[in-house]
Amino acid sequence: MMAQYKAVTFSLKAKFPIQVIKSQALIDEEEEKKNGFDPNAINLKLSSLVRMVHGSFESKPKICDDFNEQNPECSKNSIEKKLKEFFVKDQRGEDPR
């Protein structure tokens, strides 16, 4: 029965069979840096984004555009990611105003 499970050794010259793959978040940050955007700028401006979204009846794309106009150092891509990650806009039957 032990013959089925043989120990395998790798030579020091051969590469290890497992490779590290970059996550999509790291790839996106590198692309934003290439385009001239600071990927951490949105994290510094997150409180402003929360204030803009809270109590707003505007759509997410409209909020994204307005926030990008006020904070051009934040990329639209990073703003959209934060909106998807943190905020849910409800669709209500009647206007509560």
C-alpha atoms as a PDB file:
ATOM      1  CA  MET A   1       0.000   0.000   0.000  1.00  0.00           C
ATOM      2  CA  MET A   2       2.848   2.449   0.692  1.00  0.00           C
ATOM      3  CA  ALA A   3       4.167   1.814  -2.784  1.00  0.00           C
ATOM      4  CA  GLN A   4       1.305   3.926  -4.175  1.00  0.00           C
ATOM      5  CA  TYR A   5       2.468   7.049  -2.344  1.00  0.00           C
ATOM      6  CA  LYS A   6       6.079   7.667  -3.224  1.00  0.00           C
ATOM      7  CA  ALA A   7       7.877  10.757  -1.998  1.00  0.00           C
ATOM      8  CA  VAL A   8       8.866  13.089  -4.800  1.00  0.00           C
ATOM      9  CA  THR A   9      11.908  15.313  -4.570  1.00  0.00           C
ATOM     10  CA  PHE A  10      12.697  18.278  -6.759  1.00  0.00           C
ATOM     11  CA  SER A  11      16.200  19.036  -7.856  1.00  0.00           C
ATOM     12  CA  LEU A  12      17.570  22.438  -6.897  1.00  0.00           C
ATOM     13  CA  LYS A  13      18.010  23.332 -10.574  1.00  0.00           C
ATOM     14  CA  ALA A  14      14.357  22.722 -11.467  1.00  0.00           C
ATOM     15  CA  LYS A  15      11.714  25.362 -10.813  1.00  0.00           C
ATOM     16  CA  PHE A  16       9.124  24.781  -8.137  1.00  0.00           C
ATOM     17  CA  PRO A  17       5.872  23.640  -9.802  1.00  0.00           C
ATOM     18  CA  ILE A  18       3.692  26.270  -8.088  1.00  0.00           C
ATOM     19  CA  GLN A  19       3.748  29.792  -9.496  1.00  0.00           C
ATOM     20  CA  VAL A  20       2.571  33.021  -7.911  1.00  0.00           C
ATOM     21  CA  ILE A  21      -0.085  34.807  -9.950  1.00  0.00           C
ATOM     22  CA  LYS A  22      -0.692  38.535  -9.453  1.00  0.00           C
ATOM     23  CA  SER A  23      -4.154  39.350  -8.217  1.00  0.00           C
ATOM     24  CA  GLN A  24      -6.466  41.492 -10.361  1.00  0.00           C
ATOM     25  CA  ALA A  25      -6.338  44.298  -7.775  1.00  0.00           C
ATOM     26  CA  LEU A  26      -2.560  44.620  -8.132  1.00  0.00           C
ATOM     27  CA  ILE A  27      -2.814  44.633 -11.915  1.00  0.00           C
ATOM     28  CA  ASP A  28      -5.469  47.392 -11.791  1.00  0.00           C
ATOM     29  CA  GLU A  29      -3.309  49.506  -9.456  1.00  0.00           C
ATOM     30  CA  GLU A  30      -0.341  49.181 -11.817  1.00  0.00           C
ATOM     31  CA  GLU A  31      -2.485  50.269 -14.778  1.00  0.00           C
ATOM     32  CA  GLU A  32      -3.756  53.309 -12.844  1.00  0.00           C
ATOM     33  CA  LYS A  33      -0.194  54.286 -11.940  1.00  0.00           C
ATOM     34  CA  LYS A  34       0.748  54.089 -15.623  1.00  0.00           C
ATOM     35  CA  ASN A  35      -2.186  56.369 -16.471  1.00  0.00           C
ATOM     36  CA  GLY A  36      -1.032  58.941 -13.908  1.00  0.00           C
ATOM     37  CA  PHE A  37      -3.563  58.211 -11.161  1.00  0.00           C
ATOM     38  CA  ASP A  38      -2.686  57.474  -7.542  1.00  0.00           C
ATOM     39  CA  PRO A  39      -4.524  54.226  -6.635  1.00  0.00           C
ATOM     40  CA  ASN A  40      -4.681  55.280  -2.968  1.00  0.00           C
ATOM     41  CA  ALA A  41      -6.213  58.700  -3.663  1.00  0.00           C
ATOM     42  CA  ILE A  42      -9.737  57.293  -3.431  1.00  0.00           C
ATOM     43  CA  ASN A  43      -8.980  55.937   0.046  1.00  0.00           C
ATOM     44  CA  LEU A  44      -7.959  59.411   1.180  1.00  0.00           C
ATOM     45  CA  LYS A  45     -11.167  60.916  -0.231  1.00  0.00           C
ATOM     46  CA  LEU A  46     -13.517  58.147   0.950  1.00  0.00           C
ATOM     47  CA  SER A  47     -15.213  60.340   3.572  1.00  0.00           C
ATOM     48  CA  SER A  48     -16.107  62.857   0.844  1.00  0.00           C
ATOM     49  CA  LEU A  49     -17.587  60.069  -1.258  1.00  0.00           C
ATOM     50  CA  VAL A  50     -19.679  58.847   1.688  1.00  0.00           C
ATOM     51  CA  ARG A  51     -21.029  62.369   2.250  1.00  0.00           C
ATOM     52  CA  MET A  52     -21.900  62.656  -1.428  1.00  0.00           C
ATOM     53  CA  VAL A  53     -23.718  59.309  -1.573  1.00  0.00           C
ATOM     54  CA  HIS A  54     -25.556  59.547   1.762  1.00  0.00           C
ATOM     55  CA  GLY A  55     -29.107  60.736   1.224  1.00  0.00           C
ATOM     56  CA  SER A  56     -28.580  61.281  -2.491  1.00  0.00           C
ATOM     57  CA  PHE A  57     -31.253  60.397  -5.028  1.00  0.00           C
ATOM     58  CA  GLU A  58     -28.760  60.516  -7.909  1.00  0.00           C
ATOM     59  CA  SER A  59     -27.725  57.385  -9.819  1.00  0.00           C
ATOM     60  CA  LYS A  60     -24.330  55.766  -9.274  1.00  0.00           C
ATOM     61  CA  PRO A  61     -22.927  56.893 -12.662  1.00  0.00           C
ATOM     62  CA  LYS A  62     -24.023  60.490 -11.941  1.00  0.00           C
ATOM     63  CA  ILE A  63     -22.392  60.371  -8.481  1.00  0.00           C
ATOM     64  CA  CYS A  64     -19.238  58.900 -10.028  1.00  0.00           C
ATOM     65  CA  ASP A  65     -19.033  61.686 -12.626  1.00  0.00           C
ATOM     66  CA  ASP A  66     -19.675  64.444 -10.071  1.00  0.00           C
ATOM     67  CA  PHE A  67     -17.104  63.039  -7.642  1.00  0.00           C
ATOM     68  CA  ASN A  68     -14.544  62.728 -10.422  1.00  0.00           C
ATOM     69  CA  GLU A  69     -15.104  66.387 -11.374  1.00  0.00           C
ATOM     70  CA  GLN A  70     -14.505  67.472  -7.773  1.00  0.00           C
ATOM     71  CA  ASN A  71     -11.538  65.105  -7.270  1.00  0.00           C
ATOM     72  CA  PRO A  72      -9.691  64.612 -10.581  1.00  0.00           C
ATOM     73  CA  GLU A  73      -6.823  62.779  -8.844  1.00  0.00           C
ATOM     74  CA  CYS A  74      -9.178  59.802  -8.334  1.00  0.00           C
ATOM     75  CA  SER A  75      -9.773  57.653 -11.393  1.00  0.00           C
ATOM     76  CA  LYS A  76     -13.316  56.794 -12.451  1.00  0.00           C
ATOM     77  CA  ASN A  77     -12.411  53.136 -12.239  1.00  0.00           C
ATOM     78  CA  SER A  78     -11.439  53.394  -8.566  1.00  0.00           C
ATOM     79  CA  ILE A  79     -14.572  55.434  -7.765  1.00  0.00           C
ATOM     80  CA  GLU A  80     -16.807  52.841  -9.443  1.00  0.00           C
ATOM     81  CA  LYS A  81     -15.087  50.030  -7.512  1.00  0.00           C
ATOM     82  CA  LYS A  82     -15.696  51.776  -4.178  1.00  0.00           C
ATOM     83  CA  LEU A  83     -19.321  52.471  -5.094  1.00  0.00           C
ATOM     84  CA  LYS A  84     -19.880  48.796  -5.919  1.00  0.00           C
ATOM     85  CA  GLU A  85     -17.989  47.613  -2.851  1.00  0.00           C
ATOM     86  CA  PHE A  86     -19.555  49.850  -0.183  1.00  0.00           C
ATOM     87  CA  PHE A  87     -22.875  51.282  -1.359  1.00  0.00           C
ATOM     88  CA  VAL A  88     -26.260  49.880  -2.341  1.00  0.00           C
ATOM     89  CA  LYS A  89     -28.810  52.154  -3.974  1.00  0.00           C
ATOM     90  CA  ASP A  90     -32.381  50.957  -3.428  1.00  0.00           C
ATOM     91  CA  GLN A  91     -35.060  51.188  -6.080  1.00  0.00           C
ATOM     92  CA  ARG A  92     -38.230  52.349  -4.345  1.00  0.00           C
ATOM     93  CA  GLY A  93     -41.758  52.347  -5.654  1.00  0.00           C
ATOM     94  CA  GLU A  94     -42.619  55.966  -4.929  1.00  0.00           C
ATOM     95  CA  ASP A  95     -40.512  59.053  -4.440  1.00  0.00           C
ATOM     96  CA  PRO A  96     -40.015  59.613  -0.673  1.00  0.00           C
ATOM     97  CA  ARG A  97     -39.435  63.378  -1.089  1.00  0.00           C
END
